[in-house]
Amino acid sequence: MSIGSNIKRLRKENDITQEELAEYLGITSRAVSQWECERTMPDITAIPVLCHIFGISSDELLGIDASRNDEEIKNYLAEANDLGNQGKNEERTELLREANKRFPRDYNIMLKLADAIVCEYSRKKIKDYNEVFGLCGRILAECTDSYIRYEAIDTLAIAYSYDGKDEEMLSLAKEMPKSRFSYESFMLFRWRGKDDVTEIQGYIQFLINQLICAIYSYSGFYENGKKLLSNEERIKLFKLQVKLLEDLFPDGDYQLQAQLGEIACSHLTELLLNENDTDGAWEYLMKGVDFAIHMDTYDFDKKHTSPILKGFSSGGWIMEPCGNRSQCMLNWLTTDDKLDALRKDDRFDVIISRLKQVAKL
């Protein structure tokens, strides 16, 4: 349907005469009649005024099939998400660039493209984030959706960090609300029934990841060039991370959280070796291998069975350049000289064999 036909339909639906519409717009009723007869077109400056009068979007006024566009955008975003889960970072970026050319005003596509570029470039150690700065800058200048704006600030801050622009990153961080002002914090005592289960489980998963990552970051703090915590204290914290995961997921259904356990166990292996606790190092090395293999072999669509996230799926993950987690652990075990004390044990070859089988997947 043409813009003239749309104006005529919308005018009648709103019980507005040609004369009244002309008066609103400061033009003659003949001009309105000419539009509706499709002899002339409204000036571009009249479009936002017409949209305001009729309470519609410019797409609807111009006769653009918004529903079809929405479906195309949805398909682009779904395909991009699938590519990301498969670790196909370059393909995901190019697909979203194509989508951005097709729908240059869609802020969700801009946001996902910016995130994809950061993900791809950070793994390739490319320090050229001007495209990300432009996309996020446009979102912040034009978009009024607060959720998309906060996502853009977060993506922009990550890009600044990778680009070595620490002052810009810290400046953006100050624009973000404190955690107690978040939607989840607001809803914590307002979620009530089964319809809220997915939201609260998503929040629980987020809190698990945040808690363990915060403990991990704290254990690496320095003071005057030395670790703030002693080796003994760091060992206690890393053991706490592993125990938290084991207690929270008694069924062993760690899914995406397995990587947190693998990282903690790798640090424990080295720290315990430094304390000449070979038995302890072996205990956590074997746990770390189990975590890595679980990370690489669990079904992305499978639901948790442990009570904390029962029925919830963590989703997929983006593979690192070195390969899956088993391959990364394999690289560490076969190249790090600090692990020489473990290589003399027959169990070491068994572990290497297990990891090699999964690293090929």
Foldseek 3Di string as FASTA:
>chain_A
DALLCLLVVLCVVVVHQLCRVCVQVVHHSVVNVCSNVVVDHDDPVCQVVSCVVSVHDSCVSRVHPVVVVVVVVVVLVVVLVVCQLVQVLVVSLVSLVVVCVVPVPDLVSLLSNLQSCLVVCLLVLNLDSVSLVVSLVVCCVDPPPVVSNVSSLVSVLSSCVSNVVPVVNVVSVVVDDDPCPDPCVVCVVVDDDPVCLQVVLVVLVVVLVVVLVVLVVLQQDDDPRHGPDDLVVLLVSLVVNLVVQCVQQVVPLCAPVLVSLLVSLVSNLLSCVVVVNNVSNVVSNVSSLVSQLSNLDDDQPDFGCGPSGGRHGPHGHNARPQAGSLSVVLVCCVPDPSCVVVVVDPVSVVSNVVSVVSRVD
